[in-house]
Protein backbone atom coordinates (compact mmCIF):
# COMPACT_ATOMS: atom_id res chain seq x y z
CA MET A 1 10.49 47.47 -60.49
CA GLU A 2 13.20 46.33 -58.09
CA LEU A 3 15.39 43.55 -59.50
CA ASP A 4 16.39 40.43 -57.61
CA ARG A 5 18.82 41.33 -54.83
CA LEU A 6 21.38 39.60 -52.64
CA TYR A 7 20.49 39.24 -48.95
CA PHE A 8 22.82 38.26 -46.11
CA PHE A 9 21.40 36.24 -43.20
CA TYR A 10 23.43 36.24 -40.00
CA GLY A 11 20.93 34.97 -37.41
CA THR A 12 17.96 32.66 -37.16
CA LEU A 13 17.32 32.73 -40.91
CA CYS A 14 20.57 30.82 -41.40
CA TYR A 15 18.41 27.87 -40.31
CA ALA A 16 17.02 26.38 -43.51
CA SER A 17 13.69 25.16 -42.05
CA LEU A 18 12.81 28.60 -40.75
CA ARG A 19 14.03 30.35 -43.90
CA THR A 20 11.82 28.08 -46.03
CA GLU A 21 8.72 28.92 -43.96
CA VAL A 22 9.42 32.65 -44.16
CA LEU A 23 10.10 32.74 -47.90
CA GLY A 24 7.54 30.09 -48.80
CA HIS A 25 10.04 27.86 -50.61
CA PRO A 26 13.68 26.72 -50.29
CA VAL A 27 16.40 28.97 -51.72
CA GLU A 28 20.00 28.24 -52.58
CA THR A 29 22.52 29.91 -50.30
CA GLN A 30 26.27 30.19 -50.04
CA ILE A 31 28.56 30.92 -47.13
CA ALA A 32 29.62 34.54 -46.76
CA THR A 33 31.13 36.65 -43.99
CA LEU A 34 30.49 40.13 -42.70
CA PRO A 35 33.82 41.71 -41.67
CA ASP A 36 34.38 43.81 -38.56
CA TYR A 37 31.20 42.67 -36.79
CA THR A 38 30.22 39.98 -34.30
CA ALA A 39 26.77 38.51 -33.56
CA CYS A 40 25.53 38.79 -29.95
CA ILE A 41 22.37 37.67 -28.19
CA ALA A 42 19.87 40.54 -28.28
CA ARG A 43 18.72 41.99 -24.97
CA ASP A 44 15.57 44.04 -24.50
CA GLY A 45 15.21 47.25 -22.50
CA GLN A 46 14.79 45.26 -19.26
CA GLY A 47 18.02 43.33 -19.80
CA HIS A 48 16.27 40.07 -20.73
CA ASP A 49 17.99 37.83 -23.27
CA LEU A 50 15.97 37.28 -26.45
CA SER A 51 16.19 34.35 -28.84
CA TYR A 52 17.78 36.15 -31.78
CA PRO A 53 21.02 38.10 -32.37
CA VAL A 54 22.08 41.68 -33.01
CA LEU A 55 25.27 42.82 -34.69
CA LEU A 56 28.02 44.56 -32.74
CA ALA A 57 30.81 46.42 -34.54
CA ARG A 58 34.15 44.86 -33.62
CA PRO A 59 37.24 45.52 -35.79
CA GLY A 60 38.92 42.31 -36.91
CA ALA A 61 35.94 40.08 -36.11
CA VAL A 62 33.76 38.34 -38.70
CA VAL A 63 30.18 37.08 -38.76
CA ILE A 64 29.64 33.89 -40.75
CA GLY A 65 26.28 33.80 -42.49
CA GLN A 66 24.30 32.77 -45.57
CA LEU A 67 23.98 34.74 -48.79
CA ALA A 68 20.94 34.27 -51.03
CA ARG A 69 19.48 35.96 -54.10
CA LEU A 70 15.81 36.78 -53.50
CA THR A 71 13.00 37.77 -55.84
CA THR A 72 10.78 40.75 -55.16
CA ASP A 73 8.09 38.39 -53.82
CA ASP A 74 10.67 36.79 -51.52
CA ALA A 75 11.74 40.24 -50.34
CA ALA A 76 8.13 41.18 -49.57
CA ARG A 77 7.68 38.08 -47.42
CA LEU A 78 11.01 38.72 -45.71
CA GLY A 79 10.04 42.32 -44.98
CA PHE A 80 6.77 41.16 -43.41
CA TYR A 81 8.69 38.77 -41.16
CA GLU A 82 11.45 41.24 -40.22
CA ALA A 83 9.08 43.67 -38.50
CA GLY A 84 10.93 46.26 -36.43
CA TYR A 85 14.12 45.85 -38.48
CA ARG A 86 15.53 48.21 -41.09
CA ARG A 87 17.21 47.16 -44.31
CA GLU A 88 20.75 48.32 -45.02
CA GLU A 89 23.24 47.58 -47.78
CA MET A 90 26.65 46.35 -46.58
CA PRO A 91 29.69 44.61 -48.14
CA VAL A 92 30.11 40.89 -47.42
CA THR A 93 32.99 38.60 -48.35
CA LEU A 94 32.66 35.39 -50.38
CA ASP A 95 34.76 32.23 -50.01
CA ASP A 96 37.11 33.34 -52.80
CA GLY A 97 37.87 36.60 -51.00
CA SER A 98 35.84 38.81 -53.30
CA GLN A 99 33.30 41.24 -51.90
CA VAL A 100 29.71 41.84 -52.95
CA SER A 101 27.06 44.22 -51.72
CA ALA A 102 24.13 42.63 -49.88
CA LEU A 103 21.05 43.79 -48.00
CA ILE A 104 21.01 43.06 -44.27
CA TYR A 105 18.19 43.55 -41.76
CA LEU A 106 19.27 45.41 -38.60
CA PRO A 107 17.16 46.24 -35.53
CA ASP A 108 15.90 49.82 -35.36
CA SER A 109 16.34 50.45 -31.64
CA GLY A 110 15.70 49.23 -28.12
CA LEU A 111 18.01 46.21 -28.25
CA THR A 112 21.48 45.88 -26.76
CA PRO A 113 24.12 43.15 -27.32
CA GLY A 114 24.63 40.39 -24.77
CA GLN A 115 26.74 37.24 -24.91
CA PRO A 116 27.99 35.81 -28.22
CA TRP A 117 25.18 34.25 -30.27
CA ASN A 118 25.51 30.69 -31.55
CA LEU A 119 23.22 29.16 -34.19
CA ALA A 120 23.63 25.61 -32.86
CA ASP A 121 22.57 26.69 -29.35
CA TRP A 122 19.56 28.53 -30.76
CA GLN A 123 18.61 25.55 -32.92
CA HIS A 124 18.72 23.19 -29.93
CA ARG A 125 16.14 25.27 -28.05
CA TRP A 126 14.13 26.95 -30.80
CA GLY A 127 14.72 24.92 -33.97
CA GLU A 128 11.42 23.01 -33.81
CA ILE A 129 9.18 25.75 -32.40
CA THR A 130 10.13 28.73 -34.57
CA PRO A 131 9.37 27.26 -38.04
CA LEU A 132 5.92 26.21 -36.79
CA ALA A 133 5.31 29.72 -35.48
CA ALA A 134 6.61 31.27 -38.71
CA HIS A 135 4.16 29.17 -40.74
CA GLU A 136 1.20 30.62 -38.79
CA TYR A 137 2.65 34.12 -38.77
CA MET A 138 3.35 34.23 -42.51
CA ALA A 139 -0.21 33.11 -43.25
CA LEU A 140 -1.26 36.53 -41.93
CA GLN A 141 0.56 38.42 -44.71
CA GLY A 142 -2.01 40.32 -46.74
CA VAL A 143 -4.74 39.31 -44.29
CA VAL A 144 -4.02 41.64 -41.36
CA PRO A 145 -1.76 44.69 -40.98
CA GLN A 146 1.82 43.87 -40.06
CA ALA A 147 1.46 45.56 -36.66
CA ASP A 148 -1.47 43.26 -35.82
CA ALA A 149 0.50 40.21 -36.89
CA VAL A 150 3.45 41.29 -34.72
CA SER A 151 1.18 41.73 -31.70
CA ARG A 152 -0.07 38.16 -32.18
CA TYR A 153 3.38 36.62 -32.52
CA PRO A 154 4.08 35.91 -28.81
CA MET A 155 0.92 33.79 -28.59
CA ILE A 156 1.64 32.23 -31.99
CA LEU A 157 4.96 31.08 -30.54
CA VAL A 158 3.23 29.67 -27.43
CA ARG A 159 0.72 27.77 -29.59
CA ALA A 160 3.57 26.35 -31.68
CA ALA A 161 5.21 24.98 -28.53
CA SER A 162 1.86 23.48 -27.49
CA ARG A 163 1.50 21.74 -30.85
CA LEU A 164 4.95 20.20 -30.45
CA ARG A 165 4.05 18.79 -27.04
CA ALA A 166 0.73 17.53 -28.42
CA ALA A 167 2.54 15.65 -31.21
CA VAL A 168 4.25 13.29 -28.74
CA PRO A 169 2.69 9.82 -29.24
CA HIS A 170 0.26 8.67 -26.56
CA ALA A 171 0.57 5.38 -24.72
CA ARG A 172 -1.68 2.71 -26.22
CA GLY A 173 -4.94 2.24 -24.35
CA MET A 174 -8.61 1.66 -25.00
CA ARG A 175 -8.95 4.60 -27.38
CA ARG A 176 -8.86 3.93 -31.12
CA THR A 177 -5.47 4.42 -32.74
CA PRO A 178 -5.77 7.09 -35.46
CA VAL A 179 -4.15 6.68 -38.87
CA PRO A 180 -3.58 9.22 -41.65
CA GLY A 181 -6.84 10.19 -43.32
CA ASP A 182 -8.96 9.74 -40.21
CA VAL A 183 -9.66 13.50 -40.07
CA ILE A 184 -10.11 15.55 -43.24
CA VAL A 185 -10.34 19.34 -42.99
CA ASP A 186 -12.40 20.74 -45.86
CA ALA A 187 -12.12 24.37 -44.71
CA MET A 188 -10.64 26.35 -41.85
CA ALA A 189 -10.86 30.03 -40.98
CA THR A 190 -9.64 32.05 -38.02
CA GLY A 191 -12.50 34.16 -36.77
CA TYR A 192 -10.52 35.89 -34.04
CA ALA A 193 -6.89 35.92 -32.99
CA LYS A 194 -5.24 37.91 -30.26
CA PHE A 195 -4.25 36.53 -26.86
CA PHE A 196 -6.46 33.57 -27.76
CA ALA A 197 -7.77 32.48 -31.16
CA VAL A 198 -11.01 30.99 -32.44
CA GLU A 199 -10.69 28.59 -35.38
CA ASP A 200 -13.75 27.55 -37.41
CA TYR A 201 -13.54 24.20 -39.19
CA THR A 202 -15.58 22.21 -41.64
CA LEU A 203 -14.26 18.69 -41.20
CA ARG A 204 -15.01 15.00 -41.56
CA HIS A 205 -13.73 12.25 -39.28
CA ARG A 206 -13.63 8.46 -39.21
CA THR A 207 -16.64 6.91 -37.46
CA PHE A 208 -16.54 3.84 -35.23
CA ALA A 209 -18.46 1.98 -37.94
CA GLY A 210 -15.52 2.54 -40.31
CA GLY A 211 -16.94 5.17 -42.66
CA MET A 212 -16.56 8.93 -42.67
CA SER A 213 -18.86 11.42 -41.00
CA PRO A 214 -20.68 14.04 -43.09
CA PRO A 215 -19.06 17.51 -43.17
CA LEU A 216 -19.34 18.92 -39.64
CA PRO A 217 -19.05 22.55 -38.51
CA ARG A 218 -16.75 22.69 -35.49
CA ALA A 219 -15.06 25.57 -33.65
CA ALA A 220 -12.08 25.48 -31.31
CA PHE A 221 -11.00 28.06 -28.77
CA VAL A 222 -7.22 27.99 -29.21
CA SER A 223 -4.83 28.80 -26.38
CA GLY A 224 -1.44 27.64 -25.23
CA ASP A 225 -0.73 24.94 -22.69
CA ALA A 226 -0.77 25.93 -19.03
CA THR A 227 0.86 24.75 -15.83
CA VAL A 228 -0.87 24.45 -12.44
CA VAL A 229 0.82 23.81 -9.10
CA LEU A 230 -0.65 23.44 -5.61
CA PRO A 231 2.01 24.39 -3.02
CA TYR A 232 1.93 22.07 0.00
CA ASP A 233 3.88 22.03 3.26
CA PRO A 234 3.82 18.45 4.64
CA VAL A 235 5.21 19.57 8.02
CA ARG A 236 2.57 22.22 8.69
CA ASP A 237 -0.02 20.30 6.62
CA ARG A 238 -1.17 23.40 4.81
CA VAL A 239 -1.53 24.59 1.23
CA LEU A 240 -1.34 27.92 -0.53
CA LEU A 241 -4.15 29.16 -2.76
CA VAL A 242 -4.27 32.37 -4.76
CA GLU A 243 -7.28 34.59 -5.36
CA GLN A 244 -7.83 36.78 -8.39
CA PHE A 245 -10.50 38.20 -10.68
CA ARG A 246 -11.35 35.90 -13.60
CA ALA A 247 -13.05 36.97 -16.83
CA GLY A 248 -14.69 33.57 -17.38
CA PRO A 249 -16.95 33.61 -14.32
CA PHE A 250 -17.64 37.32 -14.92
CA ALA A 251 -18.76 36.72 -18.51
CA ARG A 252 -20.95 33.83 -17.31
CA GLY A 253 -22.71 36.21 -14.94
CA ASP A 254 -21.30 34.77 -11.72
CA VAL A 255 -22.17 37.03 -8.79
CA ASN A 256 -18.59 36.57 -7.53
CA PRO A 257 -15.99 36.47 -10.33
CA TRP A 258 -13.05 36.26 -7.90
CA SER A 259 -11.63 32.75 -7.99
CA LEU A 260 -9.72 30.66 -5.44
CA GLU A 261 -7.26 28.44 -7.26
CA PRO A 262 -3.77 26.95 -7.31
CA VAL A 263 -0.85 28.87 -8.76
CA ALA A 264 -1.21 28.70 -12.55
CA GLY A 265 -0.04 30.26 -15.77
CA ARG A 266 0.84 29.82 -19.40
CA VAL A 267 3.79 27.65 -20.41
CA ASP A 268 5.91 30.07 -22.43
CA ALA A 269 7.70 28.98 -25.57
CA GLY A 270 11.18 27.70 -24.74
CA GLU A 271 10.36 26.47 -21.22
CA THR A 272 9.07 23.20 -19.80
CA PRO A 273 5.83 22.91 -17.81
CA ALA A 274 7.90 22.31 -14.65
CA GLN A 275 9.98 25.44 -15.27
CA ALA A 276 6.76 27.39 -15.83
CA ALA A 277 5.35 26.10 -12.51
CA LEU A 278 8.41 27.28 -10.58
CA ARG A 279 8.34 30.66 -12.35
CA GLU A 280 4.64 31.22 -11.75
CA ALA A 281 4.99 30.46 -8.02
CA VAL A 282 7.53 33.27 -7.74
CA GLU A 283 5.48 35.69 -9.85
CA GLU A 284 2.12 35.05 -8.19
CA ALA A 285 3.13 34.56 -4.56
CA GLY A 286 6.87 35.18 -4.16
CA LEU A 287 7.20 31.51 -3.29
CA SER A 288 10.08 29.09 -3.94
CA MET A 289 9.33 25.38 -4.04
CA SER A 290 11.82 22.66 -3.20
CA ARG A 291 10.26 19.83 -5.21
CA LEU A 292 7.60 19.27 -7.84
CA ILE A 293 5.51 16.10 -7.88
CA ALA A 294 3.77 15.37 -11.17
CA ALA A 295 -0.01 15.12 -10.98
CA PRO A 296 -2.54 14.30 -13.75
CA ASN A 297 -2.32 16.20 -17.03
CA PHE A 298 -5.58 16.81 -18.87
CA TYR A 299 -7.80 18.77 -21.25
CA PRO A 300 -10.21 20.74 -19.03
CA SER A 301 -12.81 21.13 -21.79
CA PRO A 302 -11.95 19.07 -24.90
CA GLY A 303 -15.24 19.72 -26.63
CA ALA A 304 -14.15 23.23 -27.57
CA LYS A 305 -10.80 24.21 -26.03
CA THR A 306 -7.27 23.28 -27.08
CA GLU A 307 -5.84 24.16 -23.65
CA TYR A 308 -3.93 21.33 -21.98
CA LEU A 309 -2.99 21.49 -18.30
CA TYR A 310 0.18 20.13 -16.71
CA THR A 311 -0.38 19.89 -12.96
CA PHE A 312 1.91 19.46 -9.97
CA ILE A 313 2.01 19.31 -6.19
CA GLY A 314 4.81 21.64 -5.11
CA LEU A 315 6.54 21.05 -1.78
CA ALA A 316 7.34 24.29 0.00
CA ASP A 317 7.99 25.84 3.39
CA LEU A 318 4.65 27.57 4.05
CA ALA A 319 5.41 29.55 7.19
CA ASP A 320 3.00 32.33 8.10
CA ASP A 321 5.10 34.87 6.16
CA ALA A 322 5.89 32.57 3.23
CA ALA A 323 3.78 34.29 0.59
CA ARG A 324 3.15 37.84 -0.57
CA PRO A 325 0.59 39.48 -2.88
CA GLY A 326 1.79 39.04 -6.44
CA GLY A 327 1.13 39.13 -10.14
CA LEU A 328 2.72 40.97 -13.05
CA GLU A 329 1.65 44.59 -13.25
CA GLU A 330 2.18 44.69 -17.03
CA GLU A 331 -0.35 41.85 -17.37
CA GLY A 332 -2.89 43.51 -15.07
CA GLU A 333 -2.61 40.77 -12.46
CA ASP A 334 -3.77 41.47 -8.90
CA ILE A 335 -3.28 38.34 -6.80
CA ARG A 336 -3.84 37.64 -3.10
CA PRO A 337 -2.41 34.50 -1.43
CA HIS A 338 -4.20 32.39 1.20
CA LEU A 339 -2.58 29.85 3.54
CA ILE A 340 -5.08 27.23 4.67
CA SER A 341 -4.88 23.83 6.32
CA PHE A 342 -5.38 20.62 4.39
CA ASP A 343 -8.55 19.95 6.38
CA GLN A 344 -9.91 23.38 5.40
CA LEU A 345 -9.10 22.64 1.75
CA MET A 346 -11.10 19.41 1.87
CA GLN A 347 -13.98 21.21 3.60
CA MET A 348 -14.00 23.62 0.64
CA VAL A 349 -14.21 20.66 -1.72
CA ASP A 350 -17.08 19.11 0.25
CA SER A 351 -19.01 22.38 0.59
CA GLY A 352 -18.65 23.48 -3.03
CA GLN A 353 -16.50 26.52 -2.22
CA ALA A 354 -13.79 25.01 -4.43
CA GLU A 355 -15.19 25.67 -7.91
CA ASN A 356 -11.94 25.67 -9.86
CA GLY A 357 -11.43 22.42 -11.80
CA PRO A 358 -7.63 22.14 -11.43
CA LEU A 359 -7.97 22.89 -7.70
CA LEU A 360 -10.42 20.01 -7.31
CA VAL A 361 -8.12 17.64 -9.20
CA LEU A 362 -5.05 18.64 -7.17
CA ALA A 363 -6.90 18.58 -3.84
CA LEU A 364 -7.97 14.99 -4.47
CA TRP A 365 -4.51 14.08 -5.77
CA LEU A 366 -2.93 15.58 -2.66
CA ALA A 367 -5.33 13.58 -0.47
CA ARG A 368 -3.98 10.47 -2.19
CA LEU A 369 -0.31 11.41 -1.68
CA ARG A 370 -0.56 13.15 1.69
CA PRO A 371 0.04 10.16 4.00
CA GLY A 372 3.30 9.30 2.24
CA LEU A 373 4.48 12.94 2.10
CA ARG A 374 3.75 13.40 5.78
CA ALA A 375 5.59 10.17 6.62
CA GLU A 376 8.65 11.35 4.69
CA VAL A 377 9.06 14.32 7.03
CA GLY A 378 8.15 12.41 10.19
CA ALA A 379 4.84 14.24 10.70
CA ALA A 380 2.12 12.57 12.74
């Protein structure tokens, strides 16, 4: 049996909250340094910066990290988390100048070094999201193969970011104000998890009469938050819609599963809904927008879905050649843009051609804002 071993952390696991989620409990650490290396932001094969570091050999440099003694159970959890990394033994230096041998996880391949990596910068952007994601990811150890857990991690990270946004207190209104103990979960199981997840609950909740409900079976279709933006040109008084195949109408049996809708997409972890709206406009239609105007945010189907939509009107120059067919090939997207007048949009609403919920919301919101937007640009 392998004895307890020393491990050196030089990247995100220097952050105590994340390390605790990965190992399942806090561990004592001490400062140590790895000589003749520097930590750089990892870049993937497409040259995109990732959120974690890689080591680059550099004589005379040092990497400051954390040294911890881990049990075999700790090491098993760490190995499950460090998928795609190999474990190597290397000498590290303690504060008193002495050297010890420690195990370090290094990436196998496919990553290249970018700019210097800084833990404080990472913590500012990822310090709240990553421990939440690690908690969900580590719950999969022993439940699914590691490769399956790794394939789920991008969406686990997106859901963690959604939970953080959902935790922001709501403004007081007519709804009851919940207090701890108002919802009690007796059991929860994940029936399916991939791009989306399905969570089955047995729960009890506070009733309006003041008691607790009996145990209730409830299921939630879990997805990340999304952003929706309707591009509008107040000078030309026209909007841009995109058309694409949608699995939802197809699975319902709709005779035409191609949908007309605003630009929309998932809010990735580490970006704001507004940043996601600007990114999606470029990806789906090659369109740049000069200004985003916040529109209503809402749950499209709160009875069963966790999805929350952040919506915007996006001001743009919608000349005849403003948009192009778009979508990401690696995601199987095939998207066609349509430029239509505001009057045609409202005719679609009246006739029932507009069947997409966010499109209906944004069309009516635009009708409310349109006179002021047109006046700003001196349009008749």
